[in-house]
C-alpha atoms as a PDB file:
ATOM      1  CA  MET A   1      -0.144   0.074  -0.022  1.00  0.00           C
ATOM      2  CA  LEU A   2       1.379   3.516  -1.226  1.00  0.00           C
ATOM      3  CA  VAL A   3       0.594   6.119   1.509  1.00  0.00           C
ATOM      4  CA  ARG A   4       1.464   9.819   0.538  1.00  0.00           C
ATOM      5  CA  SER A   5       2.848  12.053   3.248  1.00  0.00           C
ATOM      6  CA  ASP A   6       0.038  14.307   3.082  1.00  0.00           C
ATOM      7  CA  ASN A   7      -2.573  11.948   4.114  1.00  0.00           C
ATOM      8  CA  ALA A   8      -0.743   9.562   6.154  1.00  0.00           C
ATOM      9  CA  ALA A   9      -1.814  11.455   9.526  1.00  0.00           C
ATOM     10  CA  GLN A  10      -5.582  11.162   8.260  1.00  0.00           C
ATOM     11  CA  LEU A  11      -4.812   7.377   7.284  1.00  0.00           C
ATOM     12  CA  ALA A  12      -3.593   6.318  10.490  1.00  0.00           C
ATOM     13  CA  VAL A  13      -6.615   7.866  12.238  1.00  0.00           C
ATOM     14  CA  ARG A  14      -9.010   6.194  10.562  1.00  0.00           C
ATOM     15  CA  LEU A  15      -7.128   3.174  11.135  1.00  0.00           C
ATOM     16  CA  LEU A  16      -7.650   3.806  14.588  1.00  0.00           C
ATOM     17  CA  ASN A  17     -10.937   3.438  14.660  1.00  0.00           C
ATOM     18  CA  ARG A  18     -12.147   5.788  17.427  1.00  0.00           C
ATOM     19  CA  PRO A  19     -14.834   8.348  16.414  1.00  0.00           C
ATOM     20  CA  ARG A  20     -14.399  10.976  19.073  1.00  0.00           C
ATOM     21  CA  LEU A  21     -10.234  10.863  18.840  1.00  0.00           C
ATOM     22  CA  HIS A  22     -11.048  10.693  14.898  1.00  0.00           C
ATOM     23  CA  GLU A  23     -12.949  13.238  14.893  1.00  0.00           C
ATOM     24  CA  GLN A  24     -10.787  15.469  16.917  1.00  0.00           C
ATOM     25  CA  LEU A  25      -7.625  14.503  15.201  1.00  0.00           C
ATOM     26  CA  SER A  26      -9.133  15.248  11.948  1.00  0.00           C
ATOM     27  CA  ARG A  27     -10.315  18.934  12.790  1.00  0.00           C
ATOM     28  CA  LYS A  28      -6.562  19.370  14.096  1.00  0.00           C
ATOM     29  CA  ILE A  29      -5.688  18.145  10.571  1.00  0.00           C
ATOM     30  CA  SER A  30      -7.638  19.937   8.635  1.00  0.00           C
ATOM     31  CA  ALA A  31      -6.766  23.459  10.998  1.00  0.00           C
ATOM     32  CA  THR A  32      -3.177  22.590  10.218  1.00  0.00           C
ATOM     33  CA  LYS A  33      -3.449  22.138   6.666  1.00  0.00           C
ATOM     34  CA  ALA A  34      -5.623  25.352   6.551  1.00  0.00           C
ATOM     35  CA  LYS A  35      -2.543  27.288   8.269  1.00  0.00           C
ATOM     36  CA  CYS A  36       0.008  25.682   6.095  1.00  0.00           C
ATOM     37  CA  HIS A  37      -1.675  26.614   2.733  1.00  0.00           C
ATOM     38  CA  ALA A  38      -2.647  30.184   3.982  1.00  0.00           C
ATOM     39  CA  ALA A  39       1.218  30.765   4.989  1.00  0.00           C
ATOM     40  CA  ASP A  40       2.194  29.255   1.356  1.00  0.00           C
ATOM     41  CA  ALA A  41      -0.132  31.821  -0.347  1.00  0.00           C
ATOM     42  CA  GLU A  42       1.607  34.810   1.762  1.00  0.00           C
ATOM     43  CA  LEU A  43       4.683  33.451   0.911  1.00  0.00           C
ATOM     44  CA  HIS A  44       3.927  33.404  -2.651  1.00  0.00           C
ATOM     45  CA  VAL A  45       2.580  37.158  -2.696  1.00  0.00           C
ATOM     46  CA  ILE A  46       6.138  38.175  -1.529  1.00  0.00           C
END
């Protein structure tokens, strides 16, 4: 199985099969990705 690095954390969360933990970590992963995209966009403006 080939796992892309940008989806590895989400795959690990799904494999845990713990709904509450999955939901919490998924929100944190999404927030982190959003911050990274925003920082990247800011760098491209400079």
